[in-house]
Amino acid sequence: MEIPLPRLPDGHGLSVTESHHDGRTVLTVVGEVDAMTVAALRAHLDRVATSDLVVDLSRVGFLSCAGLQALVEVRGRGVAVSVVITEHIVWRVFEATGLASLFEVHAELDSVGAPR
């Protein structure tokens, strides 16, 4: 199910699509995750938070600390969260905050294995 946000005047926006891959729920996030769009991401995370969740950020051009906080909050509820990251600017948020070790990080969705 995809719930796209309306595009803002400057072209920014966010959409989140739910699917399944190797027995895990996958949220594919497209766009920019910032203070204006993080509520949509949080709503999806809250709805599908299971014991095995993959958040595909490969089509995210920007991730603010608000977006990272949303992921950390889900992780804090005992949910195993894997992330797919292909953009250096997104990786920098995880790296700069020292929070990358909380997540299983992958460069592509196909490298995410089945749940343990």
C-alpha atoms as a PDB file:
ATOM      1  CA  MET A   1       0.000   0.000   0.000  1.00  0.00           C
ATOM      2  CA  GLU A   2       1.420   3.383  -0.962  1.00  0.00           C
ATOM      3  CA  ILE A   3       0.413   6.605   0.721  1.00  0.00           C
ATOM      4  CA  PRO A   4       2.181   9.415  -1.142  1.00  0.00           C
ATOM      5  CA  LEU A   5       2.355  12.862   0.345  1.00  0.00           C
ATOM      6  CA  PRO A   6       1.444  15.754  -1.889  1.00  0.00           C
ATOM      7  CA  ARG A   7       4.437  17.363  -3.519  1.00  0.00           C
ATOM      8  CA  LEU A   8       5.541  20.535  -1.866  1.00  0.00           C
ATOM      9  CA  PRO A   9       6.090  23.618  -4.026  1.00  0.00           C
ATOM     10  CA  ASP A  10       9.840  22.993  -4.188  1.00  0.00           C
ATOM     11  CA  GLY A  11       9.302  19.416  -5.444  1.00  0.00           C
ATOM     12  CA  HIS A  12      10.066  17.653  -2.179  1.00  0.00           C
ATOM     13  CA  GLY A  13       7.878  14.880  -0.890  1.00  0.00           C
ATOM     14  CA  LEU A  14       7.847  11.343   0.387  1.00  0.00           C
ATOM     15  CA  SER A  15       6.144   8.084  -0.428  1.00  0.00           C
ATOM     16  CA  VAL A  16       6.343   4.803   1.438  1.00  0.00           C
ATOM     17  CA  THR A  17       5.389   1.465  -0.092  1.00  0.00           C
ATOM     18  CA  GLU A  18       4.953  -1.801   1.805  1.00  0.00           C
ATOM     19  CA  SER A  19       5.973  -5.163   0.331  1.00  0.00           C
ATOM     20  CA  HIS A  20       7.515  -8.445   1.473  1.00  0.00           C
ATOM     21  CA  HIS A  21      10.917  -9.991   0.779  1.00  0.00           C
ATOM     22  CA  ASP A  22      12.160 -13.337   2.129  1.00  0.00           C
ATOM     23  CA  GLY A  23       9.615 -13.353   4.945  1.00  0.00           C
ATOM     24  CA  ARG A  24      10.261  -9.796   6.055  1.00  0.00           C
ATOM     25  CA  THR A  25       8.134  -6.701   5.734  1.00  0.00           C
ATOM     26  CA  VAL A  26       9.850  -4.121   3.530  1.00  0.00           C
ATOM     27  CA  LEU A  27       9.096  -0.410   3.583  1.00  0.00           C
ATOM     28  CA  THR A  28      10.472   1.274   0.468  1.00  0.00           C
ATOM     29  CA  VAL A  29      10.928   4.965   1.114  1.00  0.00           C
ATOM     30  CA  VAL A  30      11.203   7.401  -1.801  1.00  0.00           C
ATOM     31  CA  GLY A  31      11.983  11.095  -1.511  1.00  0.00           C
ATOM     32  CA  GLU A  32      13.323  13.133   1.361  1.00  0.00           C
ATOM     33  CA  VAL A  33      12.824  12.348   5.049  1.00  0.00           C
ATOM     34  CA  ASP A  34      12.871  15.525   7.067  1.00  0.00           C
ATOM     35  CA  ALA A  35      10.817  17.371   9.679  1.00  0.00           C
ATOM     36  CA  MET A  36       8.009  17.936   7.169  1.00  0.00           C
ATOM     37  CA  THR A  37       7.730  14.307   5.992  1.00  0.00           C
ATOM     38  CA  VAL A  38       8.816  12.197   8.961  1.00  0.00           C
ATOM     39  CA  ALA A  39       5.246  11.842  10.265  1.00  0.00           C
ATOM     40  CA  ALA A  40       4.338   9.753   7.212  1.00  0.00           C
ATOM     41  CA  LEU A  41       7.352   7.504   7.771  1.00  0.00           C
ATOM     42  CA  ARG A  42       6.495   7.148  11.463  1.00  0.00           C
ATOM     43  CA  ALA A  43       2.913   6.191  10.639  1.00  0.00           C
ATOM     44  CA  HIS A  44       4.105   3.389   8.367  1.00  0.00           C
ATOM     45  CA  LEU A  45       6.749   2.218  10.853  1.00  0.00           C
ATOM     46  CA  ASP A  46       4.184   2.106  13.648  1.00  0.00           C
ATOM     47  CA  ARG A  47       1.719   0.163  11.507  1.00  0.00           C
ATOM     48  CA  VAL A  48       4.119  -2.548  10.319  1.00  0.00           C
ATOM     49  CA  ALA A  49       6.558  -2.751  13.221  1.00  0.00           C
ATOM     50  CA  THR A  50       7.187  -6.484  13.451  1.00  0.00           C
ATOM     51  CA  SER A  51      10.090  -8.522  14.694  1.00  0.00           C
ATOM     52  CA  ASP A  52      11.778  -8.339  11.274  1.00  0.00           C
ATOM     53  CA  LEU A  53      11.559  -5.121   9.290  1.00  0.00           C
ATOM     54  CA  VAL A  54      13.546  -3.867   6.312  1.00  0.00           C
ATOM     55  CA  VAL A  55      13.528  -0.172   5.502  1.00  0.00           C
ATOM     56  CA  ASP A  56      14.762   0.390   1.954  1.00  0.00           C
ATOM     57  CA  LEU A  57      16.290   3.858   1.853  1.00  0.00           C
ATOM     58  CA  SER A  58      17.980   3.349  -1.527  1.00  0.00           C
ATOM     59  CA  ARG A  59      15.731   5.964  -3.155  1.00  0.00           C
ATOM     60  CA  VAL A  60      16.029   8.523  -0.363  1.00  0.00           C
ATOM     61  CA  GLY A  61      17.964  11.636  -1.324  1.00  0.00           C
ATOM     62  CA  PHE A  62      18.058  13.130   2.170  1.00  0.00           C
ATOM     63  CA  LEU A  63      17.561  11.750   5.678  1.00  0.00           C
ATOM     64  CA  SER A  64      17.423  14.165   8.582  1.00  0.00           C
ATOM     65  CA  CYS A  65      18.042  13.273  12.199  1.00  0.00           C
ATOM     66  CA  ALA A  66      14.250  13.212  12.607  1.00  0.00           C
ATOM     67  CA  GLY A  67      14.110  10.308  10.157  1.00  0.00           C
ATOM     68  CA  LEU A  68      16.917   8.493  11.935  1.00  0.00           C
ATOM     69  CA  GLN A  69      15.155   9.055  15.260  1.00  0.00           C
ATOM     70  CA  ALA A  70      12.013   7.393  13.890  1.00  0.00           C
ATOM     71  CA  LEU A  71      14.081   4.319  12.960  1.00  0.00           C
ATOM     72  CA  VAL A  72      15.824   4.275  16.345  1.00  0.00           C
ATOM     73  CA  GLU A  73      12.466   4.464  18.146  1.00  0.00           C
ATOM     74  CA  VAL A  74      11.198   1.374  16.313  1.00  0.00           C
ATOM     75  CA  ARG A  75      14.478  -0.404  17.054  1.00  0.00           C
ATOM     76  CA  GLY A  76      14.039   0.574  20.716  1.00  0.00           C
ATOM     77  CA  ARG A  77      10.761  -1.374  20.819  1.00  0.00           C
ATOM     78  CA  GLY A  78      12.660  -4.594  20.162  1.00  0.00           C
ATOM     79  CA  VAL A  79      12.087  -4.675  16.397  1.00  0.00           C
ATOM     80  CA  ALA A  80      15.013  -5.969  14.333  1.00  0.00           C
ATOM     81  CA  VAL A  81      15.500  -3.292  11.680  1.00  0.00           C
ATOM     82  CA  SER A  82      17.628  -3.712   8.576  1.00  0.00           C
ATOM     83  CA  VAL A  83      18.243  -0.751   6.289  1.00  0.00           C
ATOM     84  CA  VAL A  84      19.212  -0.601   2.630  1.00  0.00           C
ATOM     85  CA  ILE A  85      21.398   2.437   1.943  1.00  0.00           C
ATOM     86  CA  THR A  86      22.938   3.399  -1.386  1.00  0.00           C
ATOM     87  CA  GLU A  87      23.370   7.157  -1.050  1.00  0.00           C
ATOM     88  CA  HIS A  88      26.434   8.499   0.740  1.00  0.00           C
ATOM     89  CA  ILE A  89      24.482  11.453   2.150  1.00  0.00           C
ATOM     90  CA  VAL A  90      22.071   9.038   3.858  1.00  0.00           C
ATOM     91  CA  TRP A  91      24.908   6.848   5.161  1.00  0.00           C
ATOM     92  CA  ARG A  92      26.593   9.942   6.643  1.00  0.00           C
ATOM     93  CA  VAL A  93      23.659  10.489   9.026  1.00  0.00           C
ATOM     94  CA  PHE A  94      24.052   6.962  10.406  1.00  0.00           C
ATOM     95  CA  GLU A  95      27.837   7.263  10.528  1.00  0.00           C
ATOM     96  CA  ALA A  96      28.055  10.769  12.007  1.00  0.00           C
ATOM     97  CA  THR A  97      25.662   9.950  14.837  1.00  0.00           C
ATOM     98  CA  GLY A  98      27.362   6.661  15.669  1.00  0.00           C
ATOM     99  CA  LEU A  99      24.045   4.834  15.332  1.00  0.00           C
ATOM    100  CA  ALA A 100      24.899   2.627  12.346  1.00  0.00           C
ATOM    101  CA  SER A 101      25.739  -0.251  14.694  1.00  0.00           C
ATOM    102  CA  LEU A 102      22.084  -0.438  15.804  1.00  0.00           C
ATOM    103  CA  PHE A 103      21.030  -1.603  12.346  1.00  0.00           C
ATOM    104  CA  GLU A 104      21.867  -4.344   9.900  1.00  0.00           C
ATOM    105  CA  VAL A 105      23.033  -2.251   6.916  1.00  0.00           C
ATOM    106  CA  HIS A 106      22.903  -3.484   3.312  1.00  0.00           C
ATOM    107  CA  ALA A 107      23.822  -1.970  -0.044  1.00  0.00           C
ATOM    108  CA  GLU A 108      20.934  -3.702  -1.847  1.00  0.00           C
ATOM    109  CA  LEU A 109      17.668  -5.384  -0.968  1.00  0.00           C
ATOM    110  CA  ASP A 110      18.749  -8.742  -2.393  1.00  0.00           C
ATOM    111  CA  SER A 111      21.537  -8.998   0.202  1.00  0.00           C
ATOM    112  CA  VAL A 112      19.012  -8.929   3.073  1.00  0.00           C
ATOM    113  CA  GLY A 113      18.492 -12.495   4.202  1.00  0.00           C
ATOM    114  CA  ALA A 114      15.490 -14.241   5.639  1.00  0.00           C
ATOM    115  CA  PRO A 115      14.570 -13.610   9.273  1.00  0.00           C
ATOM    116  CA  ARG A 116      16.616 -15.394  11.894  1.00  0.00           C
END
